[in-house]
Amino acid sequence: MNIKRGDNIKVIKGKDRGKTGKVSQVFPKQNKVVVEGVNIMIKHLRTRKQGEKGQRLEFNAPLAAANVMLVCPKCAAMTRVGRRSLKVEGGKARQVRVCKKCGEAVE
């Protein structure tokens, strides 16, 4: 998965199309992400005791990672993500995410 926690994204499909937000959770096995302020759902809770009031809980539901695109922090455009290996002084190569539009590292 090319989207990580803390990335800024923009929704490209669905009822929240055009909204931007920060990724708060990632579920790689289900290929879903949770974004702050996007895909807000409401859950109604029943009262537990006599005389108590019920509640409405608002929460951010996960949405498919295919419906979002990363916003590059350098060029501020929606972009696809590539991978490039950088050589570290220790000798091991390290994989880095790269913006396909400007070519800069996204980390």
C-alpha atoms as a PDB file:
ATOM      1  CA  MET A   1       0.000   0.000   0.000  1.00  0.00           C
ATOM      2  CA  ASN A   2       1.389   3.398  -1.007  1.00  0.00           C
ATOM      3  CA  ILE A   3      -0.530   5.456   1.560  1.00  0.00           C
ATOM      4  CA  LYS A   4       0.779   5.686   5.109  1.00  0.00           C
ATOM      5  CA  ARG A   5      -0.508   7.130   8.381  1.00  0.00           C
ATOM      6  CA  GLY A   6      -0.047  10.911   8.505  1.00  0.00           C
ATOM      7  CA  ASP A   7      -0.203  11.472   4.726  1.00  0.00           C
ATOM      8  CA  ASN A   8      -2.429  14.174   3.276  1.00  0.00           C
ATOM      9  CA  ILE A   9      -4.846  12.771   0.719  1.00  0.00           C
ATOM     10  CA  LYS A  10      -7.695  13.898  -1.523  1.00  0.00           C
ATOM     11  CA  VAL A  11     -10.824  11.815  -2.163  1.00  0.00           C
ATOM     12  CA  ILE A  12     -11.377  11.169  -5.883  1.00  0.00           C
ATOM     13  CA  LYS A  13     -14.527   8.985  -5.737  1.00  0.00           C
ATOM     14  CA  GLY A  14     -17.658   8.699  -3.647  1.00  0.00           C
ATOM     15  CA  LYS A  15     -19.931  10.979  -1.674  1.00  0.00           C
ATOM     16  CA  ASP A  16     -17.000  12.987  -0.237  1.00  0.00           C
ATOM     17  CA  ARG A  17     -15.294  13.612  -3.598  1.00  0.00           C
ATOM     18  CA  GLY A  18     -12.956  16.635  -3.473  1.00  0.00           C
ATOM     19  CA  LYS A  19     -12.421  16.633   0.289  1.00  0.00           C
ATOM     20  CA  THR A  20      -8.901  16.519   1.681  1.00  0.00           C
ATOM     21  CA  GLY A  21      -7.689  15.215   5.008  1.00  0.00           C
ATOM     22  CA  LYS A  22      -5.000  13.481   6.989  1.00  0.00           C
ATOM     23  CA  VAL A  23      -4.847   9.682   7.206  1.00  0.00           C
ATOM     24  CA  SER A  24      -5.354   8.528  10.796  1.00  0.00           C
ATOM     25  CA  GLN A  25      -5.464   4.738  10.304  1.00  0.00           C
ATOM     26  CA  VAL A  26      -4.447   2.280   7.586  1.00  0.00           C
ATOM     27  CA  PHE A  27      -5.752  -1.259   7.112  1.00  0.00           C
ATOM     28  CA  PRO A  28      -3.456  -2.847   4.493  1.00  0.00           C
ATOM     29  CA  LYS A  29      -5.104  -6.288   4.491  1.00  0.00           C
ATOM     30  CA  GLN A  30      -8.514  -4.793   3.681  1.00  0.00           C
ATOM     31  CA  ASN A  31      -6.927  -2.061   1.476  1.00  0.00           C
ATOM     32  CA  LYS A  32      -8.769   0.672   3.403  1.00  0.00           C
ATOM     33  CA  VAL A  33      -7.838   3.973   5.060  1.00  0.00           C
ATOM     34  CA  VAL A  34      -9.503   6.163   7.680  1.00  0.00           C
ATOM     35  CA  VAL A  35      -9.283   9.903   6.981  1.00  0.00           C
ATOM     36  CA  GLU A  36     -10.081  12.686   9.459  1.00  0.00           C
ATOM     37  CA  GLY A  37     -13.265  14.561   8.510  1.00  0.00           C
ATOM     38  CA  VAL A  38     -14.154  12.269   5.594  1.00  0.00           C
ATOM     39  CA  ASN A  39     -16.815   9.516   5.362  1.00  0.00           C
ATOM     40  CA  ILE A  40     -18.471  10.464   8.646  1.00  0.00           C
ATOM     41  CA  MET A  41     -21.028   7.919   9.841  1.00  0.00           C
ATOM     42  CA  ILE A  42     -23.515   8.138  12.713  1.00  0.00           C
ATOM     43  CA  LYS A  43     -24.254   5.295  15.104  1.00  0.00           C
ATOM     44  CA  HIS A  44     -27.284   5.484  17.391  1.00  0.00           C
ATOM     45  CA  LEU A  45     -26.868   4.012  20.864  1.00  0.00           C
ATOM     46  CA  ARG A  46     -29.835   2.774  22.865  1.00  0.00           C
ATOM     47  CA  THR A  47     -30.292   3.760  26.506  1.00  0.00           C
ATOM     48  CA  ARG A  48     -28.902   1.349  29.092  1.00  0.00           C
ATOM     49  CA  LYS A  49     -30.888   2.475  32.148  1.00  0.00           C
ATOM     50  CA  GLN A  50     -34.351   3.898  32.749  1.00  0.00           C
ATOM     51  CA  GLY A  51     -34.395   7.702  32.414  1.00  0.00           C
ATOM     52  CA  GLU A  52     -31.089   7.879  30.546  1.00  0.00           C
ATOM     53  CA  LYS A  53     -30.943   9.445  27.074  1.00  0.00           C
ATOM     54  CA  GLY A  54     -29.749   7.693  23.934  1.00  0.00           C
ATOM     55  CA  GLN A  55     -26.735   8.993  22.034  1.00  0.00           C
ATOM     56  CA  ARG A  56     -25.601   9.639  18.489  1.00  0.00           C
ATOM     57  CA  LEU A  57     -21.930   8.838  17.941  1.00  0.00           C
ATOM     58  CA  GLU A  58     -20.160  10.306  14.915  1.00  0.00           C
ATOM     59  CA  PHE A  59     -17.074   8.495  13.651  1.00  0.00           C
ATOM     60  CA  ASN A  60     -14.898   8.362  10.553  1.00  0.00           C
ATOM     61  CA  ALA A  61     -15.543   5.112   8.701  1.00  0.00           C
ATOM     62  CA  PRO A  62     -12.851   3.498   6.553  1.00  0.00           C
ATOM     63  CA  LEU A  63     -12.937   3.997   2.809  1.00  0.00           C
ATOM     64  CA  ALA A  64     -11.214   2.147  -0.019  1.00  0.00           C
ATOM     65  CA  ALA A  65      -7.619   3.167  -0.667  1.00  0.00           C
ATOM     66  CA  ALA A  66      -8.371   3.112  -4.405  1.00  0.00           C
ATOM     67  CA  ASN A  67     -10.739   6.068  -3.905  1.00  0.00           C
ATOM     68  CA  VAL A  68      -8.044   8.400  -2.553  1.00  0.00           C
ATOM     69  CA  MET A  69      -4.881   9.962  -3.980  1.00  0.00           C
ATOM     70  CA  LEU A  70      -1.833  11.245  -2.181  1.00  0.00           C
ATOM     71  CA  VAL A  71      -1.228  15.009  -2.138  1.00  0.00           C
ATOM     72  CA  CYS A  72       2.490  15.677  -2.634  1.00  0.00           C
ATOM     73  CA  PRO A  73       3.895  17.923   0.143  1.00  0.00           C
ATOM     74  CA  LYS A  74       6.395  19.534  -2.286  1.00  0.00           C
ATOM     75  CA  CYS A  75       4.270  20.353  -5.356  1.00  0.00           C
ATOM     76  CA  ALA A  76       0.839  20.287  -3.591  1.00  0.00           C
ATOM     77  CA  ALA A  77      -0.745  18.283  -6.420  1.00  0.00           C
ATOM     78  CA  MET A  78      -2.584  14.965  -6.395  1.00  0.00           C
ATOM     79  CA  THR A  79      -0.126  12.367  -7.579  1.00  0.00           C
ATOM     80  CA  ARG A  80       0.570   8.706  -8.050  1.00  0.00           C
ATOM     81  CA  VAL A  81       3.318   7.185  -5.950  1.00  0.00           C
ATOM     82  CA  GLY A  82       6.438   5.473  -7.244  1.00  0.00           C
ATOM     83  CA  ARG A  83       9.329   3.768  -5.487  1.00  0.00           C
ATOM     84  CA  ARG A  84      13.036   4.478  -5.715  1.00  0.00           C
ATOM     85  CA  SER A  85      15.897   2.918  -3.825  1.00  0.00           C
ATOM     86  CA  LEU A  86      18.401   5.218  -2.123  1.00  0.00           C
ATOM     87  CA  LYS A  87      21.832   4.058  -1.082  1.00  0.00           C
ATOM     88  CA  VAL A  88      22.628   4.677   2.551  1.00  0.00           C
ATOM     89  CA  GLU A  89      26.209   5.053   3.821  1.00  0.00           C
ATOM     90  CA  GLY A  90      25.936   1.742   5.701  1.00  0.00           C
ATOM     91  CA  GLY A  91      25.753  -0.093   2.381  1.00  0.00           C
ATOM     92  CA  LYS A  92      22.095  -1.169   2.415  1.00  0.00           C
ATOM     93  CA  ALA A  93      19.668   0.321  -0.089  1.00  0.00           C
ATOM     94  CA  ARG A  94      16.470   1.894   1.279  1.00  0.00           C
ATOM     95  CA  GLN A  95      13.156   2.135  -0.580  1.00  0.00           C
ATOM     96  CA  VAL A  96      11.593   5.620  -0.702  1.00  0.00           C
ATOM     97  CA  ARG A  97       8.189   6.749  -1.973  1.00  0.00           C
ATOM     98  CA  VAL A  98       8.486   9.241  -4.831  1.00  0.00           C
ATOM     99  CA  CYS A  99       6.011  11.722  -6.340  1.00  0.00           C
ATOM    100  CA  LYS A 100       5.416  10.865 -10.011  1.00  0.00           C
ATOM    101  CA  LYS A 101       4.842  14.534 -10.935  1.00  0.00           C
ATOM    102  CA  CYS A 102       7.825  16.332  -9.385  1.00  0.00           C
ATOM    103  CA  GLY A 103      10.132  13.381  -8.666  1.00  0.00           C
ATOM    104  CA  GLU A 104      10.763  14.359  -5.031  1.00  0.00           C
ATOM    105  CA  ALA A 105      10.746  11.943  -2.107  1.00  0.00           C
ATOM    106  CA  VAL A 106       7.453  12.001  -0.194  1.00  0.00           C
ATOM    107  CA  GLU A 107       8.778  11.185   3.303  1.00  0.00           C
END
